[in-house]
Protein backbone atom coordinates (compact mmCIF):
# COMPACT_ATOMS: atom_id res chain seq x y z
CA UNK A 1 0.05 -0.20 -0.04
CA UNK A 2 1.62 3.14 -1.32
CA UNK A 3 0.26 6.41 0.10
CA UNK A 4 1.34 10.02 1.45
CA UNK A 5 1.15 10.04 5.18
CA UNK A 6 0.03 13.15 6.79
CA UNK A 7 2.56 15.07 8.48
CA UNK A 8 4.17 13.15 11.25
CA UNK A 9 5.25 15.10 14.59
CA UNK A 10 7.35 13.89 17.36
CA UNK A 11 5.23 12.51 20.23
CA UNK A 12 2.47 11.41 18.01
CA UNK A 13 1.12 7.96 18.73
CA UNK A 14 1.55 5.43 15.95
CA UNK A 15 0.93 1.61 15.91
CA UNK A 16 3.58 -0.72 14.79
CA UNK A 17 2.53 -4.11 13.12
CA UNK A 18 5.34 -6.55 13.51
CA UNK A 19 5.95 -10.25 14.18
CA UNK A 20 7.36 -11.93 17.33
CA UNK A 21 9.87 -14.83 17.17
CA UNK A 22 7.06 -17.31 16.62
CA UNK A 23 5.95 -15.05 13.25
CA UNK A 24 2.71 -14.16 15.24
CA UNK A 25 1.45 -10.55 14.27
CA UNK A 26 1.61 -8.19 17.07
CA UNK A 27 0.53 -4.64 17.49
CA UNK A 28 2.40 -2.21 19.27
CA UNK A 29 1.22 1.20 20.41
CA UNK A 30 4.26 3.52 20.59
CA UNK A 31 5.41 7.29 19.76
CA UNK A 32 7.25 9.06 17.21
CA UNK A 33 10.49 10.24 18.44
CA UNK A 34 12.28 11.60 15.48
CA UNK A 35 11.02 12.77 12.15
CA UNK A 36 13.23 13.88 9.05
CA UNK A 37 12.38 14.59 5.39
CA UNK A 38 12.41 11.00 4.11
CA UNK A 39 12.59 8.97 7.42
CA UNK A 40 11.01 8.71 10.88
CA UNK A 41 11.88 6.93 14.19
CA UNK A 42 9.75 5.53 16.96
CA UNK A 43 10.35 4.46 20.54
CA UNK A 44 11.63 1.07 21.33
CA UNK A 45 12.65 0.36 17.72
CA UNK A 46 16.47 0.84 18.18
CA UNK A 47 18.00 2.47 15.08
CA UNK A 48 15.21 1.33 12.70
CA UNK A 49 13.93 4.02 10.50
CA UNK A 50 10.62 4.17 8.61
CA UNK A 51 9.79 5.59 5.50
CA UNK A 52 7.56 8.87 5.84
CA UNK A 53 6.16 8.04 2.50
CA UNK A 54 5.15 4.28 3.11
CA UNK A 55 5.41 4.20 6.94
CA UNK A 56 7.35 0.76 6.18
CA UNK A 57 10.62 -0.16 8.04
CA UNK A 58 13.97 0.35 6.08
CA UNK A 59 16.31 -2.51 6.14
CA UNK A 60 19.67 -2.74 4.47
CA UNK A 61 19.45 -6.52 4.08
CA UNK A 62 16.75 -9.05 4.21
CA UNK A 63 13.13 -8.15 4.46
CA UNK A 64 10.97 -6.46 7.10
CA UNK A 65 7.22 -6.64 7.40
CA UNK A 66 7.30 -4.04 9.92
CA UNK A 67 5.18 -1.07 9.30
CA UNK A 68 3.52 1.85 11.41
CA UNK A 69 -0.12 3.03 10.94
CA UNK A 70 -1.91 6.04 12.29
CA UNK A 71 -4.75 3.89 13.90
CA UNK A 72 -5.30 0.29 15.21
CA UNK A 73 -8.31 0.21 13.11
CA UNK A 74 -6.22 0.36 9.96
CA UNK A 75 -4.25 -2.39 10.81
CA UNK A 76 -7.28 -4.65 11.53
CA UNK A 77 -8.84 -3.34 8.27
CA UNK A 78 -5.76 -4.52 6.29
CA UNK A 79 -5.86 -7.80 8.11
CA UNK A 80 -9.63 -8.24 6.91
CA UNK A 81 -8.82 -7.48 3.62
CA UNK A 82 -6.11 -9.68 3.05
CA UNK A 83 -8.22 -12.52 4.68
CA UNK A 84 -11.37 -11.69 2.44
CA UNK A 85 -8.91 -11.63 -0.70
CA UNK A 86 -7.57 -15.02 0.31
CA UNK A 87 -10.82 -16.55 0.93
CA UNK A 88 -12.27 -15.27 -2.45
CA UNK A 89 -8.95 -16.58 -4.36
CA UNK A 90 -9.46 -19.72 -2.98
CA UNK A 91 -13.02 -19.88 -4.15
CA UNK A 92 -12.02 -18.91 -7.73
CA UNK A 93 -8.81 -20.82 -7.87
CA UNK A 94 -8.94 -22.78 -10.94
CA UNK A 95 -7.12 -25.83 -9.25
CA UNK A 96 -9.02 -25.53 -6.12
CA UNK A 97 -11.89 -27.71 -5.12
CA UNK A 98 -15.18 -26.76 -6.93
CA UNK A 99 -17.42 -24.55 -5.34
CA UNK A 100 -21.11 -24.93 -5.65
CA UNK A 101 -22.09 -20.97 -6.42
CA UNK A 102 -25.48 -20.68 -7.91
CA UNK A 103 -25.88 -18.49 -10.99
CA UNK A 104 -27.63 -15.94 -9.07
CA UNK A 105 -24.63 -15.76 -6.66
CA UNK A 106 -22.07 -15.39 -9.63
CA UNK A 107 -24.38 -12.73 -11.28
CA UNK A 108 -24.08 -10.66 -7.86
CA UNK A 109 -20.42 -11.12 -7.58
CA UNK A 110 -20.02 -9.90 -11.34
CA UNK A 111 -21.98 -6.95 -10.61
CA UNK A 112 -19.73 -6.02 -7.61
CA UNK A 113 -16.65 -6.53 -9.61
CA UNK A 114 -17.80 -4.44 -12.49
CA UNK A 115 -18.86 -1.74 -10.19
CA UNK A 116 -15.29 -1.87 -8.65
CA UNK A 117 -13.42 -1.76 -12.19
CA UNK A 118 -15.77 0.92 -13.34
CA UNK A 119 -15.00 3.02 -10.29
CA UNK A 120 -11.09 2.70 -10.91
CA UNK A 121 -11.11 3.20 -14.50
């Protein structure tokens, strides 16, 4: 998700979505401690910097899924979106088990998809 975050200020509360050693997702409420032109830092993150533009952790090697959000609800919404997309992917996966969607259900899904495509285009 690429977005331009609102101006961050020192002392502002943010929510860090991270993973513990068992790869379980955790949410940590923390505060912004330093804000620069391109990067910001949060309390208890050591020297880790986060992009002001994407709010994702900047790492020099490997990958990090750590990301800051302005609200806890934004994290929950993203989790739900991911879960729903995965659920729908399984329903429409060509190699997956066949689902018994009725013609009426398929028509309603088609209307929603077309509305979404029309709104984007």
